[in-house]
Structures are given as structure tokens and as C-alpha cells.
Amino acid sequence: MEERPWYADGLDPEELAFQRLYGPWKVSTPADAQELMHGYDGDWWINGGWAIEAFTGVRREHEDVDVSLWRRDIEKLRLHLNGRYDLWSNAGGRLQPLTDQRPEQPDDADQIWLRRHALAPWEFDLQPNPDRDGRWVFRRDPTLDYALDEITWRAPDGIRYINPELAITYKARVGRPKDERDLDATLPLLTPDRRTWLADMIDHLHPNHPWLPRIRATSAT
């Protein structure tokens, strides 16, 4: 049967308004992402809430799966998905398809949304990441870069995830209730060195952040 758009039950008003404007989203999983990227000749990894769940084992709700790859490899990905998915660059809500005629990602676009066709739901939110001589560049502070193996880890199923302390660092900027819950689940499982790294990075990006006393207290134990 042809897949058709729908809006999931139980969406909060803000999310429903978002989907009514841009179209419905299907909740994909890391296993779906692994199937999507099967045969792709490049690095990719998963960020966000799924990275937290993979590390902690604590189940949580998800709106989508955040997949990252090198920004330099966008065309490689487009060719990998050609005929299966349409790629749309997202620059602050301005969507533009990446096609054979216009394959370039705009300089101000830091997301790519995927769907099978215009009447299908969005399935994946891709986050192209810049690199510096093959090293991962931290978009919150582009002066910082790391080897990919330093800031990611592989689960037993072979999927690569962003390190939990880095996932929490991204979440610190907004600090929503779900981000607080992710901190609750993650912090007890981090080694002292990782807690110290987390505290130092949040202090660097967000001085006097309300999470800092708690993280530093656990780092000292």
C-alpha cells in the first residue's frame, strides 16, 4: 500500500503546528538509519537522544533520529540515496531540494531532511559536520577539533554514536525538561574524567550554567 502522510497521535501543540507547516514526521530509529546507510562509503554517526539512550539503556521518547556525516560528503550521500530518498537542505526553516541540477548544500544550511517523495513523511534529520584536515570540528566553538574516534563510540551492533558527555553538552544550551532527564540518566554512568570534561566544556560555552555545581560535585566523588 502506498505510504501516505499522517500526524501522530499525542503531539503537543507546538510540534503539531510545526508538522502542519512542514509536513508530518515518521519516528525513525538507529536501526532504520543503519539500513539507510548500508553500503554508504563514508563515516556517519548518531547524535542526540538516541545516543543518550544507547549509552544509558534508559528508554525515552524520540521525535526523530539525528544522523551526522561529514559536510564534505553530502554529494556522496546524495548519490548513495539517489532514487530512494529526496534530500532537502534546511537553512533556518528555508527548505531547498538537492537535485542533479542543484546538488550543493547552501552555506547557511546545517541540516538535511530526508523523505521518499513529496507525499511521504520526513524520516531522517541529517546534520552535516565540518572537518578540519579530517578532524571533527565543534560547531559550538569552531576553534576546537577532535579525531572522530575521540568523540564517538561504537555499540555492539556496529552503530557509531556521539559520546554521551558531548551529547549532554549540546543539550545544556536549552536545558528543557527532557534534557534534564537525560542528564539524570547519564551523569551517574560517566567516569570522573568524562564528568570533568563535561563540566569544563559547559563552563567554557555557558559560564555559570545551573548544571555546573551538580556535575562538579559528582566529579569530585
Protein backbone atom coordinates (compact mmCIF):
# COMPACT_ATOMS: atom_id res chain seq x y z
CA MET A 1 0.00 0.00 0.00
CA GLU A 2 1.29 3.50 -0.84
CA GLU A 3 2.58 5.30 2.24
CA ARG A 4 0.61 8.47 2.94
CA PRO A 5 1.12 11.41 5.31
CA TRP A 6 -0.24 11.39 8.82
CA TYR A 7 0.15 13.23 12.09
CA ALA A 8 0.96 11.03 15.05
CA ASP A 9 -1.42 10.94 17.99
CA GLY A 10 -0.47 12.85 21.12
CA LEU A 11 1.66 15.60 19.53
CA ASP A 12 1.95 18.69 21.69
CA PRO A 13 0.53 21.89 20.14
CA GLU A 14 3.96 23.26 19.22
CA GLU A 15 5.05 20.08 17.45
CA LEU A 16 1.68 19.73 15.70
CA ALA A 17 1.91 23.32 14.44
CA PHE A 18 5.45 22.60 13.18
CA GLN A 19 4.36 19.47 11.33
CA ARG A 20 1.30 21.16 9.84
CA LEU A 21 3.63 23.76 8.35
CA TYR A 22 6.42 21.48 7.12
CA GLY A 23 4.73 18.09 6.87
CA PRO A 24 4.50 15.06 9.15
CA TRP A 25 7.46 13.20 10.61
CA LYS A 26 7.87 9.47 10.97
CA VAL A 27 9.85 8.44 14.04
CA SER A 28 12.86 6.52 12.75
CA THR A 29 15.33 4.51 14.82
CA PRO A 30 19.08 3.87 14.76
CA ALA A 31 18.34 0.52 13.09
CA ASP A 32 16.48 2.41 10.35
CA ALA A 33 19.49 4.71 9.98
CA GLN A 34 21.80 1.71 9.74
CA GLU A 35 19.64 0.30 6.93
CA LEU A 36 19.58 3.72 5.23
CA MET A 37 23.38 3.98 5.30
CA HIS A 38 24.11 0.37 4.39
CA GLY A 39 26.68 0.41 1.61
CA TYR A 40 27.50 4.09 2.13
CA ASP A 41 31.22 4.63 1.68
CA GLY A 42 31.80 7.23 4.38
CA ASP A 43 31.66 7.97 8.09
CA TRP A 44 28.36 8.56 9.86
CA TRP A 45 27.22 8.64 13.47
CA ILE A 46 24.15 9.35 15.60
CA ASN A 47 23.66 12.34 17.89
CA GLY A 48 21.05 13.49 20.34
CA GLY A 49 18.60 11.48 22.40
CA TRP A 50 19.26 8.16 20.70
CA ALA A 51 22.95 8.50 21.63
CA ILE A 52 21.90 9.03 25.25
CA GLU A 53 19.59 6.01 25.19
CA ALA A 54 22.25 3.80 23.61
CA PHE A 55 24.73 4.70 26.35
CA THR A 56 22.41 4.61 29.37
CA GLY A 57 19.95 1.90 28.35
CA VAL A 58 17.16 4.17 29.64
CA ARG A 59 14.19 4.30 27.27
CA ARG A 60 12.98 7.75 26.28
CA GLU A 61 10.69 9.35 23.72
CA HIS A 62 12.13 10.44 20.38
CA GLU A 63 10.90 12.82 17.71
CA ASP A 64 13.43 11.71 15.08
CA VAL A 65 16.90 10.24 14.71
CA ASP A 66 19.76 12.70 14.25
CA VAL A 67 22.37 11.32 11.85
CA SER A 68 25.65 13.14 11.20
CA LEU A 69 28.18 12.82 8.42
CA TRP A 70 30.97 14.97 7.05
CA ARG A 71 29.74 18.06 5.26
CA ARG A 72 32.27 17.33 2.52
CA ASP A 73 30.45 14.02 1.82
CA ILE A 74 26.94 15.40 1.13
CA GLU A 75 27.18 14.67 -2.58
CA LYS A 76 28.42 11.15 -1.84
CA LEU A 77 25.34 10.62 0.32
CA ARG A 78 23.02 12.10 -2.32
CA LEU A 79 24.31 9.64 -4.88
CA HIS A 80 24.02 6.78 -2.35
CA LEU A 81 20.33 7.60 -1.81
CA ASN A 82 19.51 8.53 -5.39
CA GLY A 83 16.15 7.08 -6.44
CA ARG A 84 15.22 6.14 -2.86
CA TYR A 85 15.11 9.41 -0.92
CA ASP A 86 14.88 13.11 -1.72
CA LEU A 87 17.30 15.36 0.15
CA TRP A 88 16.20 18.81 1.27
CA SER A 89 18.62 21.32 2.78
CA ASN A 90 17.25 23.25 5.76
CA ALA A 91 18.61 26.72 6.47
CA GLY A 92 16.66 28.01 9.45
CA GLY A 93 13.36 26.67 8.08
CA ARG A 94 14.08 27.54 4.43
CA LEU A 95 13.93 24.23 2.56
CA GLN A 96 15.58 23.58 -0.80
CA PRO A 97 15.88 20.25 -2.63
CA LEU A 98 19.31 18.91 -3.52
CA THR A 99 18.99 17.68 -7.10
CA ASP A 100 21.13 16.72 -10.05
CA GLN A 101 20.78 20.30 -11.28
CA ARG A 102 21.44 21.91 -7.87
CA PRO A 103 23.31 19.42 -5.67
CA GLU A 104 25.15 21.96 -3.49
CA GLN A 105 24.24 22.45 0.16
CA PRO A 106 23.80 26.21 0.82
CA ASP A 107 26.50 27.63 3.07
CA ASP A 108 23.95 28.70 5.70
CA ALA A 109 22.16 25.31 5.83
CA ASP A 110 23.20 22.99 8.65
CA GLN A 111 20.52 20.29 8.28
CA ILE A 112 19.28 17.94 5.58
CA TRP A 113 15.82 16.37 5.81
CA LEU A 114 15.04 13.12 4.01
CA ARG A 115 11.76 11.77 2.67
CA ARG A 116 10.89 9.27 -0.04
CA HIS A 117 8.74 11.68 -2.08
CA ALA A 118 6.56 14.76 -1.68
CA LEU A 119 3.58 12.87 -0.23
CA ALA A 120 5.63 10.84 2.26
CA PRO A 121 6.57 11.87 5.81
CA TRP A 122 10.02 13.10 6.68
CA GLU A 123 12.10 10.25 8.10
CA PHE A 124 15.61 11.48 8.92
CA ASP A 125 17.24 14.69 10.11
CA LEU A 126 20.85 14.77 8.90
CA GLN A 127 23.36 17.12 10.45
CA PRO A 128 26.42 17.61 8.23
CA ASN A 129 29.50 18.37 10.31
CA PRO A 130 32.53 20.33 9.13
CA ASP A 131 36.00 18.90 9.47
CA ARG A 132 39.50 20.31 9.65
CA ASP A 133 42.03 18.05 7.97
CA GLY A 134 39.77 15.07 8.72
CA ARG A 135 39.13 16.08 12.35
CA TRP A 136 35.65 16.75 13.74
CA VAL A 137 35.06 20.49 14.23
CA PHE A 138 32.88 21.51 17.18
CA ARG A 139 30.27 23.84 15.69
CA ARG A 140 29.59 25.49 19.06
CA ASP A 141 33.25 26.56 19.13
CA PRO A 142 34.94 26.04 15.74
CA THR A 143 38.37 26.62 17.25
CA LEU A 144 38.08 23.13 18.77
CA ASP A 145 38.56 19.93 16.78
CA TYR A 146 38.92 16.24 17.67
CA ALA A 147 39.61 12.95 15.96
CA LEU A 148 36.31 11.20 15.25
CA ASP A 149 37.33 8.25 17.44
CA GLU A 150 37.82 10.65 20.36
CA ILE A 151 34.25 11.92 20.36
CA THR A 152 32.29 8.84 19.25
CA TRP A 153 31.93 5.20 20.31
CA ARG A 154 30.57 2.05 18.65
CA ALA A 155 27.73 -0.01 20.07
CA PRO A 156 27.77 -3.83 19.74
CA ASP A 157 25.54 -3.59 16.64
CA GLY A 158 28.24 -1.53 14.91
CA ILE A 159 26.41 1.81 15.04
CA ARG A 160 28.62 4.77 15.95
CA TYR A 161 27.23 7.29 18.47
CA ILE A 162 28.43 10.64 19.73
CA ASN A 163 29.95 10.38 23.22
CA PRO A 164 27.38 10.93 25.99
CA GLU A 165 29.24 13.83 27.59
CA LEU A 166 29.22 15.62 24.23
CA ALA A 167 25.52 14.89 23.70
CA ILE A 168 24.82 16.43 27.12
CA THR A 169 26.99 19.44 26.24
CA TYR A 170 24.75 20.15 23.24
CA LYS A 171 21.67 19.84 25.43
CA ALA A 172 22.96 22.32 28.01
CA ARG A 173 22.19 25.33 25.79
CA VAL A 174 18.42 24.80 26.03
CA GLY A 175 18.03 22.76 29.21
CA ARG A 176 14.50 21.52 28.54
CA PRO A 177 12.83 19.04 30.91
CA LYS A 178 13.83 16.15 28.62
CA ASP A 179 17.42 17.42 28.68
CA GLU A 180 17.34 17.41 32.48
CA ARG A 181 16.13 13.80 32.39
CA ASP A 182 18.96 12.89 30.01
CA LEU A 183 21.45 14.46 32.41
CA ASP A 184 19.91 12.46 35.28
CA ALA A 185 20.33 9.21 33.34
CA THR A 186 23.82 9.93 32.01
CA LEU A 187 25.75 11.58 34.83
CA PRO A 188 25.97 8.57 37.21
CA LEU A 189 27.42 6.43 34.39
CA LEU A 190 30.20 8.78 33.33
CA THR A 191 33.74 8.22 34.54
CA PRO A 192 35.29 11.01 36.65
CA ASP A 193 37.40 12.10 33.69
CA ARG A 194 34.35 12.41 31.47
CA ARG A 195 32.45 14.34 34.14
CA THR A 196 35.37 16.75 34.42
CA TRP A 197 35.45 17.15 30.63
CA LEU A 198 31.71 17.82 30.62
CA ALA A 199 31.93 20.43 33.38
CA ASP A 200 34.87 22.19 31.73
CA MET A 201 33.16 22.29 28.33
CA ILE A 202 29.84 23.57 29.65
CA ASP A 203 31.71 26.20 31.68
CA HIS A 204 33.57 27.20 28.52
CA LEU A 205 30.39 27.52 26.44
CA HIS A 206 27.89 28.60 29.12
CA PRO A 207 29.60 30.14 32.19
CA ASN A 208 27.53 29.90 35.38
CA HIS A 209 25.24 27.27 33.87
CA PRO A 210 22.92 25.81 36.57
CA TRP A 211 24.12 22.27 35.80
CA LEU A 212 27.73 23.02 36.70
CA PRO A 213 27.61 22.67 40.52
CA ARG A 214 25.92 19.30 40.22
CA ILE A 215 28.35 17.96 37.60
CA ARG A 216 31.36 19.20 39.54
CA ALA A 217 30.07 17.68 42.76
CA THR A 218 29.82 14.26 41.17
CA SER A 219 33.24 14.66 39.55
CA ALA A 220 34.80 15.10 42.97
CA THR A 221 33.33 11.88 44.40
